[in-house]
Amino acid sequence: MEAAYPRSILAVVAKAGGPEAARKLQEAAGGTEIYIPKRAAPDHWLVSLIGEAAFAAVLAELGHGDIGVPTGRADAWRRRRQRIAELDAQGKSATEIARAVGCDERTVRRVRSEARP
C-alpha cells in the first residue's frame, strides 16, 4: 500500500495557490526542511514564492515551525521506495542507499521500518 505524505505542504500549497505555486516550492526547497514563521512580511522568501493566500493556508493547515518539503511526485516516490527496498535486500547500508537513491538516511530508515512487520 502506497503511503502518502500526511497533510503534505505541497498539497496545501496547490489547493490554496495552485499547482504552479506548489511546483515552485518543490523546486526551491524540495528535500529540505523549511521554517514556517507565525507571521511573515510580503517580502519573506516563502510569501514571495507561493503568494500570500497560499502562505496563509499553509500556516492555517500546518502551523508554524519546521516543515519538510517532499522532493518529488508520487510516482517518483514509489520508484524511490522500490529502489530503496532493492538495495536494502542487497544488504547495503543506509548511507550507501541514500547516496545511490538521492535521498537522506532518515528516508531510508523510514522506508525500512514501514516495510518490516
Protein backbone atom coordinates (compact mmCIF):
# COMPACT_ATOMS: atom_id res chain seq x y z
CA MET A 1 0.00 0.00 0.00
CA GLU A 2 1.45 3.38 -1.00
CA ALA A 3 2.00 5.76 1.90
CA ALA A 4 1.07 9.34 1.16
CA TYR A 5 2.54 12.37 2.81
CA PRO A 6 0.11 13.24 5.58
CA ARG A 7 -1.10 16.80 5.12
CA SER A 8 1.67 17.48 2.62
CA ILE A 9 2.77 21.08 2.38
CA LEU A 10 2.71 20.69 -1.41
CA ALA A 11 -0.94 19.60 -1.35
CA VAL A 12 -1.86 22.56 0.85
CA VAL A 13 0.02 24.99 -1.39
CA ALA A 14 -1.51 23.50 -4.56
CA LYS A 15 -5.02 23.80 -3.12
CA ALA A 16 -4.56 27.40 -1.98
CA GLY A 17 -2.13 28.81 -4.52
CA GLY A 18 -2.45 26.45 -7.44
CA PRO A 19 -0.19 23.76 -8.85
CA GLU A 20 2.33 26.30 -10.13
CA ALA A 21 2.96 27.60 -6.61
CA ALA A 22 3.44 24.03 -5.35
CA ARG A 23 5.87 23.31 -8.19
CA LYS A 24 7.87 26.45 -7.37
CA LEU A 25 8.11 25.44 -3.72
CA GLN A 26 9.16 21.93 -4.63
CA GLU A 27 11.85 23.23 -6.98
CA ALA A 28 13.09 25.79 -4.47
CA ALA A 29 13.07 23.65 -1.33
CA GLY A 30 12.28 20.01 -2.19
CA GLY A 31 14.07 17.58 0.09
CA THR A 32 14.74 20.16 2.78
CA GLU A 33 13.07 21.40 5.90
CA ILE A 34 11.87 24.97 5.84
CA TYR A 35 10.73 27.12 8.71
CA ILE A 36 7.17 28.44 8.56
CA PRO A 37 7.07 31.60 10.70
CA LYS A 38 3.99 32.65 12.70
CA ARG A 39 3.94 35.87 10.70
CA ALA A 40 5.73 36.83 7.53
CA ALA A 41 6.09 40.12 5.67
CA PRO A 42 5.13 40.26 2.00
CA ASP A 43 8.84 40.21 1.11
CA HIS A 44 9.56 36.98 3.05
CA TRP A 45 11.04 34.45 0.60
CA LEU A 46 8.18 31.97 1.07
CA VAL A 47 5.41 34.56 0.67
CA SER A 48 7.17 35.93 -2.42
CA LEU A 49 7.47 32.42 -3.84
CA ILE A 50 3.98 30.99 -3.26
CA GLY A 51 1.85 34.06 -2.58
CA GLU A 52 0.10 35.43 0.48
CA ALA A 53 -3.02 33.28 0.16
CA ALA A 54 -1.03 30.05 -0.12
CA PHE A 55 1.21 31.08 2.78
CA ALA A 56 -1.86 31.80 4.94
CA ALA A 57 -3.33 28.40 4.02
CA VAL A 58 -0.10 26.58 4.88
CA LEU A 59 0.10 28.37 8.21
CA ALA A 60 -3.57 27.61 9.00
CA GLU A 61 -3.31 23.95 7.97
CA LEU A 62 0.17 23.00 9.17
CA GLY A 63 1.05 25.66 11.71
CA HIS A 64 4.39 27.32 12.20
CA GLY A 65 7.71 25.54 12.68
CA ASP A 66 9.93 23.25 10.65
CA ILE A 67 8.14 21.55 7.77
CA GLY A 68 9.65 19.01 5.37
CA VAL A 69 9.12 19.68 1.67
CA PRO A 70 8.85 16.49 -0.40
CA THR A 71 11.27 16.04 -3.28
CA GLY A 72 9.03 14.62 -5.97
CA ARG A 73 5.73 13.39 -7.27
CA ALA A 74 4.05 10.22 -6.01
CA ASP A 75 5.28 8.09 -8.93
CA ALA A 76 8.86 9.23 -8.33
CA TRP A 77 8.40 8.47 -4.63
CA ARG A 78 7.06 5.00 -5.45
CA ARG A 79 10.09 4.28 -7.67
CA ARG A 80 12.43 5.59 -4.97
CA ARG A 81 10.82 3.34 -2.35
CA GLN A 82 11.21 0.34 -4.67
CA ARG A 83 14.88 1.15 -5.26
CA ILE A 84 15.46 1.55 -1.51
CA ALA A 85 13.88 -1.87 -0.93
CA GLU A 86 16.05 -3.45 -3.65
CA LEU A 87 19.27 -2.02 -2.23
CA ASP A 88 18.22 -2.92 1.31
CA ALA A 89 17.66 -6.52 0.19
CA GLN A 90 21.22 -6.48 -1.17
CA GLY A 91 22.45 -5.60 2.32
CA LYS A 92 23.53 -2.03 1.54
CA SER A 93 23.91 0.42 4.42
CA ALA A 94 21.56 3.37 4.91
CA THR A 95 24.36 5.70 3.81
CA GLU A 96 25.03 3.72 0.63
CA ILE A 97 21.33 3.59 -0.19
CA ALA A 98 20.80 7.29 0.47
CA ARG A 99 23.67 8.20 -1.85
CA ALA A 100 22.53 5.82 -4.58
CA VAL A 101 18.90 6.88 -4.47
CA GLY A 102 19.38 10.58 -3.83
CA CYS A 103 17.59 10.90 -0.52
CA ASP A 104 18.60 11.27 3.09
CA GLU A 105 19.33 8.46 5.51
CA ARG A 106 16.24 9.30 7.55
CA THR A 107 14.11 8.45 4.49
CA VAL A 108 15.90 5.12 4.13
CA ARG A 109 15.29 4.29 7.79
CA ARG A 110 11.60 5.24 7.49
CA VAL A 111 11.08 3.11 4.38
CA ARG A 112 12.86 0.20 6.06
CA SER A 113 10.67 0.45 9.17
CA GLU A 114 7.47 0.69 7.11
CA ALA A 115 8.45 -2.44 5.14
CA ARG A 116 9.09 -4.58 8.20
CA PRO A 117 6.21 -6.23 10.06
